[in-house]
Amino acid sequence: WRARELLRLGYDVTVYEGFHAQLTPPPD
């Protein structure tokens, strides 16, 4: 999923960059 897809579906979206720090590279 991408933030822009959720926005298109009518959702308010807050992104947390690098949230999953245990993974390489850390996904948002």
Full PDB file with SEQRES, HELIX, SHEET, SSBOND, CRYST1, ORIGX, SCALE, CONECT and MASTER records, all heavy atoms in Angstrom:
SEQRES   1 A   28  TRP ARG ALA ARG GLU LEU LEU ARG LEU GLY TYR ASP VAL          
SEQRES   2 A   28  THR VAL TYR GLU GLY PHE HIS ALA GLN LEU THR PRO PRO          
SEQRES   3 A   28  PRO ASP                                                      
HELIX    1 AA1 ALA A    3  ARG A    8  1                                   6    
CRYST1    1.000    1.000    1.000  90.00  90.00  90.00 P 1           1          
ORIGX1      1.000000  0.000000  0.000000        0.00000                         
ORIGX2      0.000000  1.000000  0.000000        0.00000                         
ORIGX3      0.000000  0.000000  1.000000        0.00000                         
SCALE1      1.000000  0.000000  0.000000        0.00000                         
SCALE2      0.000000  1.000000  0.000000        0.00000                         
SCALE3      0.000000  0.000000  1.000000        0.00000                         
ATOM      1  N   TRP A   1       0.829  -1.197   0.000  1.00  0.00           N  
ATOM      2  CA  TRP A   1       0.000   0.000   0.000  1.00  0.00           C  
ATOM      3  C   TRP A   1       0.863   1.245   0.000  1.00  0.00           C  
ATOM      4  O   TRP A   1       1.955   1.263   0.548  1.00  0.00           O  
ATOM      5  CB  TRP A   1      -0.915  -0.015   1.227  1.00  0.00           C  
ATOM      6  CG  TRP A   1      -1.835  -1.179   1.181  1.00  0.00           C  
ATOM      7  CD1 TRP A   1      -1.573  -2.461   1.594  1.00  0.00           C  
ATOM      8  CD2 TRP A   1      -3.142  -1.213   0.629  1.00  0.00           C  
ATOM      9  NE1 TRP A   1      -2.642  -3.272   1.340  1.00  0.00           N  
ATOM     10  CE2 TRP A   1      -3.611  -2.530   0.757  1.00  0.00           C  
ATOM     11  CE3 TRP A   1      -3.956  -0.245   0.057  1.00  0.00           C  
ATOM     12  CZ2 TRP A   1      -4.884  -2.901   0.315  1.00  0.00           C  
ATOM     13  CZ3 TRP A   1      -5.209  -0.618  -0.375  1.00  0.00           C  
ATOM     14  CH2 TRP A   1      -5.667  -1.935  -0.240  1.00  0.00           C  
ATOM     15  N   ARG A   2       0.340   2.294  -0.576  1.00  0.00           N  
ATOM     16  CA  ARG A   2       1.000   3.601  -0.603  1.00  0.00           C  
ATOM     17  C   ARG A   2       0.056   4.625   0.026  1.00  0.00           C  
ATOM     18  O   ARG A   2      -1.176   4.488  -0.043  1.00  0.00           O  
ATOM     19  CB  ARG A   2       1.305   4.028  -2.040  1.00  0.00           C  
ATOM     20  CG  ARG A   2       2.095   3.012  -2.827  1.00  0.00           C  
ATOM     21  CD  ARG A   2       3.556   3.364  -2.819  1.00  0.00           C  
ATOM     22  NE  ARG A   2       4.290   2.428  -3.656  1.00  0.00           N  
ATOM     23  CZ  ARG A   2       5.307   1.714  -3.205  1.00  0.00           C  
ATOM     24  NH1 ARG A   2       5.709   1.833  -1.977  1.00  0.00           N  
ATOM     25  NH2 ARG A   2       5.949   0.894  -4.006  1.00  0.00           N  
ATOM     26  N   ALA A   3       0.630   5.658   0.595  1.00  0.00           N  
ATOM     27  CA  ALA A   3      -0.171   6.699   1.233  1.00  0.00           C  
ATOM     28  C   ALA A   3      -1.147   7.318   0.242  1.00  0.00           C  
ATOM     29  O   ALA A   3      -2.311   7.570   0.576  1.00  0.00           O  
ATOM     30  CB  ALA A   3       0.738   7.765   1.851  1.00  0.00           C  
ATOM     31  N   ARG A   4      -0.700   7.540  -0.978  1.00  0.00           N  
ATOM     32  CA  ARG A   4      -1.582   8.198  -1.961  1.00  0.00           C  
ATOM     33  C   ARG A   4      -2.804   7.347  -2.294  1.00  0.00           C  
ATOM     34  O   ARG A   4      -3.868   7.881  -2.596  1.00  0.00           O  
ATOM     35  CB  ARG A   4      -0.799   8.577  -3.216  1.00  0.00           C  
ATOM     36  CG  ARG A   4      -0.303   7.418  -4.028  1.00  0.00           C  
ATOM     37  CD  ARG A   4       0.462   7.882  -5.274  1.00  0.00           C  
ATOM     38  NE  ARG A   4       1.038   6.781  -5.981  1.00  0.00           N  
ATOM     39  CZ  ARG A   4       2.266   6.319  -5.791  1.00  0.00           C  
ATOM     40  NH1 ARG A   4       3.053   6.883  -4.912  1.00  0.00           N  
ATOM     41  NH2 ARG A   4       2.703   5.290  -6.475  1.00  0.00           N  
ATOM     42  N   GLU A   5      -2.678   6.013  -2.230  1.00  0.00           N  
ATOM     43  CA  GLU A   5      -3.837   5.148  -2.475  1.00  0.00           C  
ATOM     44  C   GLU A   5      -4.873   5.327  -1.369  1.00  0.00           C  
ATOM     45  O   GLU A   5      -6.066   5.404  -1.633  1.00  0.00           O  
ATOM     46  CB  GLU A   5      -3.409   3.686  -2.518  1.00  0.00           C  
ATOM     47  CG  GLU A   5      -2.511   3.346  -3.682  1.00  0.00           C  
ATOM     48  CD  GLU A   5      -1.953   1.959  -3.538  1.00  0.00           C  
ATOM     49  OE1 GLU A   5      -1.177   1.718  -2.599  1.00  0.00           O  
ATOM     50  OE2 GLU A   5      -2.313   1.117  -4.388  1.00  0.00           O  
ATOM     51  N   LEU A   6      -4.401   5.387  -0.142  1.00  0.00           N  
ATOM     52  CA  LEU A   6      -5.308   5.567   0.983  1.00  0.00           C  
ATOM     53  C   LEU A   6      -5.971   6.943   0.930  1.00  0.00           C  
ATOM     54  O   LEU A   6      -7.159   7.073   1.224  1.00  0.00           O  
ATOM     55  CB  LEU A   6      -4.539   5.374   2.293  1.00  0.00           C  
ATOM     56  CG  LEU A   6      -3.972   3.959   2.488  1.00  0.00           C  
ATOM     57  CD1 LEU A   6      -2.931   3.949   3.597  1.00  0.00           C  
ATOM     58  CD2 LEU A   6      -5.082   2.966   2.754  1.00  0.00           C  
ATOM     59  N   LEU A   7      -5.219   7.946   0.527  1.00  0.00           N  
ATOM     60  CA  LEU A   7      -5.788   9.289   0.357  1.00  0.00           C  
ATOM     61  C   LEU A   7      -6.899   9.281  -0.695  1.00  0.00           C  
ATOM     62  O   LEU A   7      -7.955   9.884  -0.506  1.00  0.00           O  
ATOM     63  CB  LEU A   7      -4.695  10.291  -0.027  1.00  0.00           C  
ATOM     64  CG  LEU A   7      -3.717  10.661   1.084  1.00  0.00           C  
ATOM     65  CD1 LEU A   7      -2.496  11.366   0.502  1.00  0.00           C  
ATOM     66  CD2 LEU A   7      -4.401  11.519   2.135  1.00  0.00           C  
ATOM     67  N   ARG A   8      -6.661   8.580  -1.814  1.00  0.00           N  
ATOM     68  CA  ARG A   8      -7.673   8.480  -2.875  1.00  0.00           C  
ATOM     69  C   ARG A   8      -8.941   7.782  -2.390  1.00  0.00           C  
ATOM     70  O   ARG A   8     -10.031   8.033  -2.901  1.00  0.00           O  
ATOM     71  CB  ARG A   8      -7.116   7.738  -4.087  1.00  0.00           C  
ATOM     72  CG  ARG A   8      -6.386   8.624  -5.056  1.00  0.00           C  
ATOM     73  CD  ARG A   8      -6.191   7.958  -6.405  1.00  0.00           C  
ATOM     74  NE  ARG A   8      -5.579   6.657  -6.319  1.00  0.00           N  
ATOM     75  CZ  ARG A   8      -4.280   6.398  -6.485  1.00  0.00           C  
ATOM     76  NH1 ARG A   8      -3.451   7.359  -6.781  1.00  0.00           N  
ATOM     77  NH2 ARG A   8      -3.809   5.171  -6.380  1.00  0.00           N  
ATOM     78  N   LEU A   9      -8.786   6.891  -1.404  1.00  0.00           N  
ATOM     79  CA  LEU A   9      -9.941   6.187  -0.851  1.00  0.00           C  
ATOM     80  C   LEU A   9     -10.684   7.033   0.187  1.00  0.00           C  
ATOM     81  O   LEU A   9     -11.669   6.589   0.759  1.00  0.00           O  
ATOM     82  CB  LEU A   9      -9.497   4.863  -0.220  1.00  0.00           C  
ATOM     83  CG  LEU A   9      -8.996   3.803  -1.191  1.00  0.00           C  
ATOM     84  CD1 LEU A   9      -8.396   2.626  -0.424  1.00  0.00           C  
ATOM     85  CD2 LEU A   9     -10.121   3.329  -2.108  1.00  0.00           C  
ATOM     86  N   GLY A  10     -10.189   8.245   0.436  1.00  0.00           N  
ATOM     87  CA  GLY A  10     -10.864   9.145   1.357  1.00  0.00           C  
ATOM     88  C   GLY A  10     -10.346   9.113   2.784  1.00  0.00           C  
ATOM     89  O   GLY A  10     -10.989   9.655   3.683  1.00  0.00           O  
ATOM     90  N   TYR A  11      -9.194   8.508   2.983  1.00  0.00           N  
ATOM     91  CA  TYR A  11      -8.609   8.426   4.321  1.00  0.00           C  
ATOM     92  C   TYR A  11      -7.699   9.617   4.580  1.00  0.00           C  
ATOM     93  O   TYR A  11      -7.017  10.101   3.679  1.00  0.00           O  
ATOM     94  CB  TYR A  11      -7.801   7.125   4.474  1.00  0.00           C  
ATOM     95  CG  TYR A  11      -8.683   5.911   4.656  1.00  0.00           C  
ATOM     96  CD1 TYR A  11      -9.326   5.327   3.571  1.00  0.00           C  
ATOM     97  CD2 TYR A  11      -8.885   5.367   5.914  1.00  0.00           C  
ATOM     98  CE1 TYR A  11     -10.149   4.232   3.735  1.00  0.00           C  
ATOM     99  CE2 TYR A  11      -9.704   4.267   6.086  1.00  0.00           C  
ATOM    100  CZ  TYR A  11     -10.340   3.709   4.999  1.00  0.00           C  
ATOM    101  OH  TYR A  11     -11.176   2.631   5.171  1.00  0.00           O  
ATOM    102  N   ASP A  12      -7.685  10.083   5.837  1.00  0.00           N  
ATOM    103  CA  ASP A  12      -6.668  11.023   6.299  1.00  0.00           C  
ATOM    104  C   ASP A  12      -5.469  10.163   6.678  1.00  0.00           C  
ATOM    105  O   ASP A  12      -5.625   9.179   7.415  1.00  0.00           O  
ATOM    106  CB  ASP A  12      -7.152  11.800   7.527  1.00  0.00           C  
ATOM    107  CG  ASP A  12      -8.334  12.698   7.204  1.00  0.00           C  
ATOM    108  OD1 ASP A  12      -8.340  13.290   6.114  1.00  0.00           O  
ATOM    109  OD2 ASP A  12      -9.247  12.789   8.045  1.00  0.00           O  
ATOM    110  N   VAL A  13      -4.282  10.528   6.209  1.00  0.00           N  
ATOM    111  CA  VAL A  13      -3.115   9.664   6.370  1.00  0.00           C  
ATOM    112  C   VAL A  13      -1.988  10.408   7.069  1.00  0.00           C  
ATOM    113  O   VAL A  13      -1.659  11.533   6.699  1.00  0.00           O  
ATOM    114  CB  VAL A  13      -2.616   9.143   4.994  1.00  0.00           C  
ATOM    115  CG1 VAL A  13      -1.388   8.269   5.153  1.00  0.00           C  
ATOM    116  CG2 VAL A  13      -3.731   8.396   4.275  1.00  0.00           C  
ATOM    117  N   THR A  14      -1.404   9.753   8.060  1.00  0.00           N  
ATOM    118  CA  THR A  14      -0.200  10.242   8.726  1.00  0.00           C  
ATOM    119  C   THR A  14       0.889   9.209   8.503  1.00  0.00           C  
ATOM    120  O   THR A  14       0.718   8.039   8.870  1.00  0.00           O  
ATOM    121  CB  THR A  14      -0.431  10.444  10.237  1.00  0.00           C  
ATOM    122  OG1 THR A  14      -1.502  11.365  10.423  1.00  0.00           O  
ATOM    123  CG2 THR A  14       0.830  10.971  10.906  1.00  0.00           C  
ATOM    124  N   VAL A  15       1.999   9.633   7.900  1.00  0.00           N  
ATOM    125  CA  VAL A  15       3.097   8.717   7.570  1.00  0.00           C  
ATOM    126  C   VAL A  15       4.197   8.833   8.632  1.00  0.00           C  
ATOM    127  O   VAL A  15       4.560   9.936   9.039  1.00  0.00           O  
ATOM    128  CB  VAL A  15       3.676   9.033   6.173  1.00  0.00           C  
ATOM    129  CG1 VAL A  15       4.908   8.186   5.880  1.00  0.00           C  
ATOM    130  CG2 VAL A  15       2.603   8.820   5.106  1.00  0.00           C  
ATOM    131  N   TYR A  16       4.707   7.692   9.036  1.00  0.00           N  
ATOM    132  CA  TYR A  16       5.838   7.609   9.967  1.00  0.00           C  
ATOM    133  C   TYR A  16       7.009   7.017   9.197  1.00  0.00           C  
ATOM    134  O   TYR A  16       7.048   5.813   8.932  1.00  0.00           O  
ATOM    135  CB  TYR A  16       5.481   6.746  11.176  1.00  0.00           C  
ATOM    136  CG  TYR A  16       4.357   7.338  11.976  1.00  0.00           C  
ATOM    137  CD1 TYR A  16       3.033   7.013  11.692  1.00  0.00           C  
ATOM    138  CD2 TYR A  16       4.620   8.257  12.984  1.00  0.00           C  
ATOM    139  CE1 TYR A  16       1.991   7.582  12.418  1.00  0.00           C  
ATOM    140  CE2 TYR A  16       3.581   8.825  13.707  1.00  0.00           C  
ATOM    141  CZ  TYR A  16       2.281   8.485  13.420  1.00  0.00           C  
ATOM    142  OH  TYR A  16       1.251   9.056  14.123  1.00  0.00           O  
ATOM    143  N   GLU A  17       7.950   7.879   8.838  1.00  0.00           N  
ATOM    144  CA  GLU A  17       9.088   7.445   8.019  1.00  0.00           C  
ATOM    145  C   GLU A  17       9.998   6.506   8.811  1.00  0.00           C  
ATOM    146  O   GLU A  17      10.312   6.762   9.970  1.00  0.00           O  
ATOM    147  CB  GLU A  17       9.871   8.662   7.532  1.00  0.00           C  
ATOM    148  CG  GLU A  17       9.077   9.507   6.562  1.00  0.00           C  
ATOM    149  CD  GLU A  17       9.860  10.692   6.034  1.00  0.00           C  
ATOM    150  OE1 GLU A  17      11.079  10.782   6.277  1.00  0.00           O  
ATOM    151  OE2 GLU A  17       9.231  11.542   5.382  1.00  0.00           O  
ATOM    152  N   GLY A  18      10.408   5.428   8.147  1.00  0.00           N  
ATOM    153  CA  GLY A  18      11.333   4.473   8.751  1.00  0.00           C  
ATOM    154  C   GLY A  18      10.811   3.826  10.012  1.00  0.00           C  
ATOM    155  O   GLY A  18      11.588   3.408  10.874  1.00  0.00           O  
ATOM    156  N   PHE A  19       9.514   3.688  10.128  1.00  0.00           N  
ATOM    157  CA  PHE A  19       8.889   3.194  11.359  1.00  0.00           C  
ATOM    158  C   PHE A  19       9.386   1.800  11.738  1.00  0.00           C  
ATOM    159  O   PHE A  19       9.633   1.514  12.893  1.00  0.00           O  
ATOM    160  CB  PHE A  19       7.366   3.183  11.207  1.00  0.00           C  
ATOM    161  CG  PHE A  19       6.654   2.702  12.448  1.00  0.00           C  
ATOM    162  CD1 PHE A  19       6.379   3.591  13.474  1.00  0.00           C  
ATOM    163  CD2 PHE A  19       6.271   1.381  12.582  1.00  0.00           C  
ATOM    164  CE1 PHE A  19       5.732   3.157  14.625  1.00  0.00           C  
ATOM    165  CE2 PHE A  19       5.629   0.942  13.729  1.00  0.00           C  
ATOM    166  CZ  PHE A  19       5.357   1.823  14.749  1.00  0.00           C  
ATOM    167  N   HIS A  20       9.503   0.945  10.748  1.00  0.00           N  
ATOM    168  CA  HIS A  20       9.900  -0.446  11.015  1.00  0.00           C  
ATOM    169  C   HIS A  20      11.420  -0.547  10.974  1.00  0.00           C  
ATOM    170  O   HIS A  20      12.009  -1.138  10.066  1.00  0.00           O  
ATOM    171  CB  HIS A  20       9.237  -1.388  10.010  1.00  0.00           C  
ATOM    172  CG  HIS A  20       7.748  -1.432  10.144  1.00  0.00           C  
ATOM    173  ND1 HIS A  20       7.111  -2.116  11.148  1.00  0.00           N  
ATOM    174  CD2 HIS A  20       6.769  -0.855   9.418  1.00  0.00           C  
ATOM    175  CE1 HIS A  20       5.809  -1.972  11.038  1.00  0.00           C  
ATOM    176  NE2 HIS A  20       5.566  -1.207   9.986  1.00  0.00           N  
ATOM    177  N   ALA A  21      12.064   0.006  11.998  1.00  0.00           N  
ATOM    178  CA  ALA A  21      13.522   0.118  12.041  1.00  0.00           C  
ATOM    179  C   ALA A  21      14.228  -1.230  12.109  1.00  0.00           C  
ATOM    180  O   ALA A  21      15.420  -1.323  11.801  1.00  0.00           O  
ATOM    181  CB  ALA A  21      13.944   0.988  13.225  1.00  0.00           C  
ATOM    182  N   GLN A  22      13.514  -2.278  12.465  1.00  0.00           N  
ATOM    183  CA  GLN A  22      14.127  -3.603  12.553  1.00  0.00           C  
ATOM    184  C   GLN A  22      14.380  -4.215  11.175  1.00  0.00           C  
ATOM    185  O   GLN A  22      15.085  -5.208  11.064  1.00  0.00           O  
ATOM    186  CB  GLN A  22      13.282  -4.538  13.422  1.00  0.00           C  
ATOM    187  CG  GLN A  22      12.023  -5.080  12.749  1.00  0.00           C  
ATOM    188  CD  GLN A  22      10.828  -4.133  12.765  1.00  0.00           C  
ATOM    189  OE1 GLN A  22      10.949  -2.947  13.031  1.00  0.00           O  
ATOM    190  NE2 GLN A  22       9.661  -4.667  12.459  1.00  0.00           N  
ATOM    191  N   LEU A  23      13.814  -3.617  10.133  1.00  0.00           N  
ATOM    192  CA  LEU A  23      13.983  -4.126   8.771  1.00  0.00           C  
ATOM    193  C   LEU A  23      14.977  -3.259   8.011  1.00  0.00           C  
ATOM    194  O   LEU A  23      15.136  -2.079   8.302  1.00  0.00           O  
ATOM    195  CB  LEU A  23      12.637  -4.134   8.048  1.00  0.00           C  
ATOM    196  CG  LEU A  23      11.529  -4.973   8.700  1.00  0.00           C  
ATOM    197  CD1 LEU A  23      10.220  -4.782   7.959  1.00  0.00           C  
ATOM    198  CD2 LEU A  23      11.911  -6.434   8.767  1.00  0.00           C  
ATOM    199  N   THR A  24      15.624  -3.866   7.022  1.00  0.00           N  
ATOM    200  CA  THR A  24      16.587  -3.131   6.198  1.00  0.00           C  
ATOM    201  C   THR A  24      16.161  -3.221   4.745  1.00  0.00           C  
ATOM    202  O   THR A  24      16.064  -4.325   4.216  1.00  0.00           O  
ATOM    203  CB  THR A  24      18.000  -3.735   6.357  1.00  0.00           C  
ATOM    204  OG1 THR A  24      18.326  -3.737   7.751  1.00  0.00           O  
ATOM    205  CG2 THR A  24      19.025  -2.921   5.611  1.00  0.00           C  
ATOM    206  N   PRO A  25      15.931  -2.078   4.077  1.00  0.00           N  
ATOM    207  CA  PRO A  25      15.812  -0.732   4.644  1.00  0.00           C  
ATOM    208  C   PRO A  25      14.512  -0.622   5.432  1.00  0.00           C  
ATOM    209  O   PRO A  25      13.533  -1.322   5.139  1.00  0.00           O  
ATOM    210  CB  PRO A  25      15.811   0.174   3.419  1.00  0.00           C  
ATOM    211  CG  PRO A  25      15.222  -0.661   2.341  1.00  0.00           C  
ATOM    212  CD  PRO A  25      15.654  -2.077   2.639  1.00  0.00           C  
ATOM    213  N   PRO A  26      14.470   0.270   6.414  1.00  0.00           N  
ATOM    214  CA  PRO A  26      13.269   0.375   7.247  1.00  0.00           C  
ATOM    215  C   PRO A  26      12.102   1.014   6.488  1.00  0.00           C  
ATOM    216  O   PRO A  26      12.196   2.161   6.058  1.00  0.00           O  
ATOM    217  CB  PRO A  26      13.705   1.264   8.422  1.00  0.00           C  
ATOM    218  CG  PRO A  26      14.902   1.985   7.926  1.00  0.00           C  
ATOM    219  CD  PRO A  26      15.537   1.138   6.864  1.00  0.00           C  
ATOM    220  N   PRO A  27      11.008   0.267   6.297  1.00  0.00           N  
ATOM    221  CA  PRO A  27       9.866   0.826   5.577  1.00  0.00           C  
ATOM    222  C   PRO A  27       9.085   1.815   6.433  1.00  0.00           C  
ATOM    223  O   PRO A  27       9.140   1.777   7.662  1.00  0.00           O  
ATOM    224  CB  PRO A  27       9.019  -0.395   5.245  1.00  0.00           C  
ATOM    225  CG  PRO A  27       9.408  -1.430   6.226  1.00  0.00           C  
ATOM    226  CD  PRO A  27      10.810  -1.142   6.631  1.00  0.00           C  
ATOM    227  N   ASP A  28       8.385   2.693   5.750  1.00  0.00           N  
ATOM    228  CA  ASP A  28       7.489   3.621   6.419  1.00  0.00           C  
ATOM    229  C   ASP A  28       6.227   2.880   6.859  1.00  0.00           C  
ATOM    230  O   ASP A  28       5.952   1.768   6.409  1.00  0.00           O  
ATOM    231  CB  ASP A  28       7.089   4.756   5.477  1.00  0.00           C  
ATOM    232  CG  ASP A  28       8.270   5.585   5.014  1.00  0.00           C  
ATOM    233  OD1 ASP A  28       9.331   5.550   5.669  1.00  0.00           O  
ATOM    234  OD2 ASP A  28       8.123   6.270   3.981  1.00  0.00           O  
TER     235      ASP A  28                                                      
MASTER        0    0    0    1    0    0    0    6  234    1    0    3          
END                                                                             
